[in-house]
PDB file of N, CA and C in Angstrom:
ATOM      1  N   MET A   1      -7.889   2.912   6.489  1.00  0.00           N
ATOM      2  CA  MET A   1      -6.584   2.474   6.047  1.00  0.00           C
ATOM      3  C   MET A   1      -5.985   1.564   7.113  1.00  0.00           C
ATOM      4  N   LYS A   2      -5.488   0.427   6.663  1.00  0.00           N
ATOM      5  CA  LYS A   2      -4.782  -0.486   7.558  1.00  0.00           C
ATOM      6  C   LYS A   2      -3.302  -0.144   7.494  1.00  0.00           C
ATOM      7  N   LYS A   3      -2.611  -0.330   8.618  1.00  0.00           N
ATOM      8  CA  LYS A   3      -1.192  -0.035   8.700  1.00  0.00           C
ATOM      9  C   LYS A   3      -0.434  -1.274   9.133  1.00  0.00           C
ATOM     10  N   TYR A   4       0.712  -1.485   8.512  1.00  0.00           N
ATOM     11  CA  TYR A   4       1.566  -2.624   8.792  1.00  0.00           C
ATOM     12  C   TYR A   4       2.967  -2.111   9.071  1.00  0.00           C
ATOM     13  N   THR A   5       3.544  -2.491  10.212  1.00  0.00           N
ATOM     14  CA  THR A   5       4.862  -2.006  10.625  1.00  0.00           C
ATOM     15  C   THR A   5       5.808  -3.181  10.804  1.00  0.00           C
ATOM     16  N   ASN A   6       7.057  -3.004  10.366  1.00  0.00           N
ATOM     17  CA  ASN A   6       8.030  -4.079  10.552  1.00  0.00           C
ATOM     18  C   ASN A   6       8.456  -4.154  12.014  1.00  0.00           C
ATOM     19  N   THR A   7       9.102  -5.240  12.371  1.00  0.00           N
ATOM     20  CA  THR A   7       9.488  -5.496  13.756  1.00  0.00           C
ATOM     21  C   THR A   7      10.410  -4.416  14.307  1.00  0.00           C
ATOM     22  N   ALA A   8      11.326  -3.934  13.488  1.00  0.00           N
ATOM     23  CA  ALA A   8      12.266  -2.901  13.928  1.00  0.00           C
ATOM     24  C   ALA A   8      11.628  -1.514  14.014  1.00  0.00           C
ATOM     25  N   LYS A   9      10.380  -1.424  13.578  1.00  0.00           N
ATOM     26  CA  LYS A   9       9.632  -0.158  13.579  1.00  0.00           C
ATOM     27  C   LYS A   9      10.314   0.923  12.741  1.00  0.00           C
ATOM     28  N   THR A  10      10.952   0.494  11.643  1.00  0.00           N
ATOM     29  CA  THR A  10      11.614   1.440  10.749  1.00  0.00           C
ATOM     30  C   THR A  10      10.806   1.691   9.486  1.00  0.00           C
ATOM     31  N   LEU A  11       9.748   0.919   9.288  1.00  0.00           N
ATOM     32  CA  LEU A  11       8.933   1.069   8.088  1.00  0.00           C
ATOM     33  C   LEU A  11       7.486   0.727   8.401  1.00  0.00           C
ATOM     34  N   THR A  12       6.584   1.603   8.000  1.00  0.00           N
ATOM     35  CA  THR A  12       5.149   1.354   8.103  1.00  0.00           C
ATOM     36  C   THR A  12       4.548   1.548   6.732  1.00  0.00           C
ATOM     37  N   VAL A  13       3.756   0.576   6.317  1.00  0.00           N
ATOM     38  CA  VAL A  13       3.066   0.606   5.035  1.00  0.00           C
ATOM     39  C   VAL A  13       1.576   0.723   5.307  1.00  0.00           C
ATOM     40  N   GLY A  14       0.935   1.630   4.586  1.00  0.00           N
ATOM     41  CA  GLY A  14      -0.516   1.774   4.689  1.00  0.00           C
ATOM     42  C   GLY A  14      -1.186   1.147   3.482  1.00  0.00           C
ATOM     43  N   PHE A  15      -2.367   0.585   3.703  1.00  0.00           N
ATOM     44  CA  PHE A  15      -3.134  -0.004   2.605  1.00  0.00           C
ATOM     45  C   PHE A  15      -4.566   0.507   2.689  1.00  0.00           C
ATOM     46  N   ASP A  16      -5.020   1.159   1.617  1.00  0.00           N
ATOM     47  CA  ASP A  16      -6.381   1.683   1.519  1.00  0.00           C
ATOM     48  C   ASP A  16      -7.128   0.871   0.471  1.00  0.00           C
ATOM     49  N   VAL A  17      -7.919  -0.085   0.922  1.00  0.00           N
ATOM     50  CA  VAL A  17      -8.618  -0.997   0.013  1.00  0.00           C
ATOM     51  C   VAL A  17      -9.541  -0.251  -0.946  1.00  0.00           C
ATOM     52  N   SER A  18     -10.054   0.901  -0.548  1.00  0.00           N
ATOM     53  CA  SER A  18     -10.966   1.644  -1.420  1.00  0.00           C
ATOM     54  C   SER A  18     -10.266   2.200  -2.660  1.00  0.00           C
ATOM     55  N   LYS A  19      -8.935   2.304  -2.630  1.00  0.00           N
ATOM     56  CA  LYS A  19      -8.171   2.799  -3.779  1.00  0.00           C
ATOM     57  C   LYS A  19      -7.615   1.673  -4.647  1.00  0.00           C
ATOM     58  N   CYS A  20      -7.612   0.455  -4.135  1.00  0.00           N
ATOM     59  CA  CYS A  20      -6.965  -0.659  -4.818  1.00  0.00           C
ATOM     60  C   CYS A  20      -7.700  -1.032  -6.103  1.00  0.00           C
ATOM     61  N   THR A  21      -6.938  -1.118  -7.200  1.00  0.00           N
ATOM     62  CA  THR A  21      -7.508  -1.509  -8.498  1.00  0.00           C
ATOM     63  C   THR A  21      -7.209  -2.969  -8.831  1.00  0.00           C
ATOM     64  N   HIS A  22      -6.602  -3.681  -7.901  1.00  0.00           N
ATOM     65  CA  HIS A  22      -6.341  -5.119  -8.016  1.00  0.00           C
ATOM     66  C   HIS A  22      -5.515  -5.475  -9.256  1.00  0.00           C
ATOM     67  N   CYS A  23      -4.529  -4.656  -9.566  1.00  0.00           N
ATOM     68  CA  CYS A  23      -3.683  -4.924 -10.730  1.00  0.00           C
ATOM     69  C   CYS A  23      -2.637  -5.998 -10.427  1.00  0.00           C
ATOM     70  N   ARG A  24      -2.421  -6.311  -9.164  1.00  0.00           N
ATOM     71  CA  ARG A  24      -1.556  -7.405  -8.714  1.00  0.00           C
ATOM     72  C   ARG A  24      -0.062  -7.108  -8.821  1.00  0.00           C
ATOM     73  N   ASN A  25       0.322  -5.865  -9.052  1.00  0.00           N
ATOM     74  CA  ASN A  25       1.749  -5.540  -9.123  1.00  0.00           C
ATOM     75  C   ASN A  25       2.485  -5.974  -7.860  1.00  0.00           C
ATOM     76  N   CYS A  26       1.927  -5.674  -6.711  1.00  0.00           N
ATOM     77  CA  CYS A  26       2.588  -5.993  -5.447  1.00  0.00           C
ATOM     78  C   CYS A  26       2.747  -7.506  -5.285  1.00  0.00           C
ATOM     79  N   LEU A  27       1.712  -8.251  -5.639  1.00  0.00           N
ATOM     80  CA  LEU A  27       1.751  -9.711  -5.503  1.00  0.00           C
ATOM     81  C   LEU A  27       2.805 -10.327  -6.401  1.00  0.00           C
ATOM     82  N   GLU A  28       2.948  -9.795  -7.590  1.00  0.00           N
ATOM     83  CA  GLU A  28       3.908 -10.334  -8.546  1.00  0.00           C
ATOM     84  C   GLU A  28       5.336  -9.868  -8.261  1.00  0.00           C
ATOM     85  N   GLU A  29       5.473  -8.631  -7.785  1.00  0.00           N
ATOM     86  CA  GLU A  29       6.808  -8.080  -7.544  1.00  0.00           C
ATOM     87  C   GLU A  29       7.446  -8.618  -6.269  1.00  0.00           C
ATOM     88  N   LEU A  30       6.643  -8.812  -5.230  1.00  0.00           N
ATOM     89  CA  LEU A  30       7.190  -9.216  -3.935  1.00  0.00           C
ATOM     90  C   LEU A  30       6.252 -10.205  -3.240  1.00  0.00           C
ATOM     91  N   PRO A  31       6.122 -11.419  -3.789  1.00  0.00           N
ATOM     92  CA  PRO A  31       5.181 -12.392  -3.225  1.00  0.00           C
ATOM     93  C   PRO A  31       5.537 -12.849  -1.814  1.00  0.00           C
ATOM     94  N   GLU A  32       6.789 -12.674  -1.408  1.00  0.00           N
ATOM     95  CA  GLU A  32       7.169 -13.052  -0.050  1.00  0.00           C
ATOM     96  C   GLU A  32       6.653 -12.059   0.994  1.00  0.00           C
ATOM     97  N   VAL A  33       6.178 -10.910   0.554  1.00  0.00           N
ATOM     98  CA  VAL A  33       5.609  -9.903   1.454  1.00  0.00           C
ATOM     99  C   VAL A  33       4.094  -9.823   1.281  1.00  0.00           C
ATOM    100  N   PHE A  34       3.639  -9.784   0.045  1.00  0.00           N
ATOM    101  CA  PHE A  34       2.212  -9.609  -0.250  1.00  0.00           C
ATOM    102  C   PHE A  34       1.601 -10.962  -0.608  1.00  0.00           C
ATOM    103  N   GLU A  35       0.831 -11.531   0.325  1.00  0.00           N
ATOM    104  CA  GLU A  35       0.266 -12.867   0.136  1.00  0.00           C
ATOM    105  C   GLU A  35      -1.223 -12.869   0.439  1.00  0.00           C
ATOM    106  N   LEU A  36      -2.016 -12.911  -0.616  1.00  0.00           N
ATOM    107  CA  LEU A  36      -3.460 -13.017  -0.421  1.00  0.00           C
ATOM    108  C   LEU A  36      -3.774 -14.356   0.236  1.00  0.00           C
ATOM    109  N   GLY A  37      -4.788 -14.386   1.057  1.00  0.00           N
ATOM    110  CA  GLY A  37      -5.177 -15.614   1.731  1.00  0.00           C
ATOM    111  C   GLY A  37      -4.504 -15.803   3.077  1.00  0.00           C
ATOM    112  N   HIS A  38      -3.550 -14.952   3.407  1.00  0.00           N
ATOM    113  CA  HIS A  38      -2.895 -15.000   4.713  1.00  0.00           C
ATOM    114  C   HIS A  38      -3.313 -13.787   5.521  1.00  0.00           C
ATOM    115  N   LYS A  39      -3.315 -13.927   6.816  1.00  0.00           N
ATOM    116  CA  LYS A  39      -3.630 -12.808   7.688  1.00  0.00           C
ATOM    117  C   LYS A  39      -2.462 -12.586   8.623  1.00  0.00           C
ATOM    118  N   PRO A  40      -1.873 -11.417   8.629  1.00  0.00           N
ATOM    119  CA  PRO A  40      -2.142 -10.322   7.715  1.00  0.00           C
ATOM    120  C   PRO A  40      -1.573 -10.629   6.329  1.00  0.00           C
ATOM    121  N   TRP A  41      -2.168 -10.029   5.318  1.00  0.00           N
ATOM    122  CA  TRP A  41      -1.751 -10.318   3.942  1.00  0.00           C
ATOM    123  C   TRP A  41      -0.451  -9.621   3.564  1.00  0.00           C
ATOM    124  N   ILE A  42      -0.044  -8.627   4.365  1.00  0.00           N
ATOM    125  CA  ILE A  42       1.251  -7.978   4.165  1.00  0.00           C
ATOM    126  C   ILE A  42       2.170  -8.441   5.291  1.00  0.00           C
ATOM    127  N   LYS A  43       3.198  -9.215   4.927  1.00  0.00           N
ATOM    128  CA  LYS A  43       4.163  -9.735   5.902  1.00  0.00           C
ATOM    129  C   LYS A  43       5.422  -8.884   5.833  1.00  0.00           C
ATOM    130  N   MET A  44       5.524  -7.941   6.738  1.00  0.00           N
ATOM    131  CA  MET A  44       6.626  -6.985   6.715  1.00  0.00           C
ATOM    132  C   MET A  44       7.982  -7.641   6.942  1.00  0.00           C
ATOM    133  N   SER A  45       8.012  -8.842   7.465  1.00  0.00           N
ATOM    134  CA  SER A  45       9.274  -9.547   7.690  1.00  0.00           C
ATOM    135  C   SER A  45       9.727 -10.317   6.450  1.00  0.00           C
ATOM    136  N   GLY A  46       8.954 -10.266   5.380  1.00  0.00           N
ATOM    137  CA  GLY A  46       9.242 -11.056   4.193  1.00  0.00           C
ATOM    138  C   GLY A  46      10.363 -10.538   3.324  1.00  0.00           C
ATOM    139  N   ALA A  47      10.781  -9.289   3.515  1.00  0.00           N
ATOM    140  CA  ALA A  47      11.848  -8.712   2.687  1.00  0.00           C
ATOM    141  C   ALA A  47      12.454  -7.510   3.403  1.00  0.00           C
ATOM    142  N   GLU A  48      13.577  -7.081   2.890  1.00  0.00           N
ATOM    143  CA  GLU A  48      14.241  -5.897   3.431  1.00  0.00           C
ATOM    144  C   GLU A  48      13.364  -4.662   3.207  1.00  0.00           C
ATOM    145  N   PRO A  49      13.405  -3.701   4.128  1.00  0.00           N
ATOM    146  CA  PRO A  49      12.600  -2.489   3.981  1.00  0.00           C
ATOM    147  C   PRO A  49      12.788  -1.780   2.640  1.00  0.00           C
ATOM    148  N   SER A  50      13.990  -1.766   2.112  1.00  0.00           N
ATOM    149  CA  SER A  50      14.223  -1.082   0.834  1.00  0.00           C
ATOM    150  C   SER A  50      13.444  -1.744  -0.304  1.00  0.00           C
ATOM    151  N   ARG A  51      13.355  -3.060  -0.284  1.00  0.00           N
ATOM    152  CA  ARG A  51      12.598  -3.778  -1.320  1.00  0.00           C
ATOM    153  C   ARG A  51      11.102  -3.537  -1.160  1.00  0.00           C
ATOM    154  N   ILE A  52      10.637  -3.475   0.089  1.00  0.00           N
ATOM    155  CA  ILE A  52       9.220  -3.203   0.332  1.00  0.00           C
ATOM    156  C   ILE A  52       8.883  -1.788  -0.135  1.00  0.00           C
ATOM    157  N   ARG A  53       9.738  -0.824   0.199  1.00  0.00           N
ATOM    158  CA  ARG A  53       9.523   0.560  -0.248  1.00  0.00           C
ATOM    159  C   ARG A  53       9.421   0.638  -1.769  1.00  0.00           C
ATOM    160  N   GLU A  54      10.291  -0.078  -2.453  1.00  0.00           N
ATOM    161  CA  GLU A  54      10.287  -0.068  -3.911  1.00  0.00           C
ATOM    162  C   GLU A  54       8.980  -0.648  -4.460  1.00  0.00           C
ATOM    163  N   ALA A  55       8.544  -1.766  -3.908  1.00  0.00           N
ATOM    164  CA  ALA A  55       7.301  -2.390  -4.372  1.00  0.00           C
ATOM    165  C   ALA A  55       6.095  -1.491  -4.103  1.00  0.00           C
ATOM    166  N   VAL A  56       6.063  -0.880  -2.934  1.00  0.00           N
ATOM    167  CA  VAL A  56       4.965   0.029  -2.589  1.00  0.00           C
ATOM    168  C   VAL A  56       4.972   1.225  -3.540  1.00  0.00           C
ATOM    169  N   GLY A  57       6.149   1.717  -3.876  1.00  0.00           N
ATOM    170  CA  GLY A  57       6.272   2.840  -4.802  1.00  0.00           C
ATOM    171  C   GLY A  57       5.766   2.528  -6.201  1.00  0.00           C
ATOM    172  N   ASN A  58       5.690   1.242  -6.530  1.00  0.00           N
ATOM    173  CA  ASN A  58       5.201   0.829  -7.843  1.00  0.00           C
ATOM    174  C   ASN A  58       3.695   0.569  -7.876  1.00  0.00           C
ATOM    175  N   CYS A  59       2.998   0.868  -6.802  1.00  0.00           N
ATOM    176  CA  CYS A  59       1.548   0.674  -6.754  1.00  0.00           C
ATOM    177  C   CYS A  59       0.896   1.793  -7.565  1.00  0.00           C
ATOM    178  N   PRO A  60       0.263   1.450  -8.706  1.00  0.00           N
ATOM    179  CA  PRO A  60      -0.274   2.488  -9.588  1.00  0.00           C
ATOM    180  C   PRO A  60      -1.490   3.224  -9.033  1.00  0.00           C
ATOM    181  N   SER A  61      -2.222   2.601  -8.137  1.00  0.00           N
ATOM    182  CA  SER A  61      -3.449   3.229  -7.629  1.00  0.00           C
ATOM    183  C   SER A  61      -3.209   4.099  -6.400  1.00  0.00           C
ATOM    184  N   GLY A  62      -2.067   3.913  -5.752  1.00  0.00           N
ATOM    185  CA  GLY A  62      -1.813   4.629  -4.502  1.00  0.00           C
ATOM    186  C   GLY A  62      -2.455   3.970  -3.303  1.00  0.00           C
ATOM    187  N   ALA A  63      -2.960   2.756  -3.478  1.00  0.00           N
ATOM    188  CA  ALA A  63      -3.568   2.028  -2.368  1.00  0.00           C
ATOM    189  C   ALA A  63      -2.524   1.663  -1.324  1.00  0.00           C
ATOM    190  N   LEU A  64      -1.301   1.380  -1.764  1.00  0.00           N
ATOM    191  CA  LEU A  64      -0.189   1.112  -0.875  1.00  0.00           C
ATOM    192  C   LEU A  64       0.658   2.370  -0.761  1.00  0.00           C
ATOM    193  N   THR A  65       0.986   2.744   0.465  1.00  0.00           N
ATOM    194  CA  THR A  65       1.798   3.937   0.693  1.00  0.00           C
ATOM    195  C   THR A  65       2.792   3.674   1.806  1.00  0.00           C
ATOM    196  N   VAL A  66       3.927   4.328   1.728  1.00  0.00           N
ATOM    197  CA  VAL A  66       4.894   4.293   2.821  1.00  0.00           C
ATOM    198  C   VAL A  66       4.524   5.421   3.769  1.00  0.00           C
ATOM    199  N   ILE A  67       4.282   5.088   5.011  1.00  0.00           N
ATOM    200  CA  ILE A  67       3.896   6.083   6.012  1.00  0.00           C
ATOM    201  C   ILE A  67       5.132   6.546   6.771  1.00  0.00           C
ATOM    202  N   GLN A  68       6.057   5.648   7.020  1.00  0.00           N
ATOM    203  CA  GLN A  68       7.260   5.979   7.808  1.00  0.00           C
ATOM    204  C   GLN A  68       8.432   5.283   7.197  1.00  0.00           C
TER     205      GLN A  68
END
């Protein structure tokens, strides 16, 4: 599992590629945070933590999780 933490260290998102079903919910819901083709592909500075939490909560496979 890869972990991504925002600059303020108030939110950490985990990503488990083995669980991802590639439904693209995250990419469509919050493209300013989730950008394929960029490294890292999750840009924690792209939106407020509350919006990131909401998008992660909508991940149907559980590949994205809020750790902190």
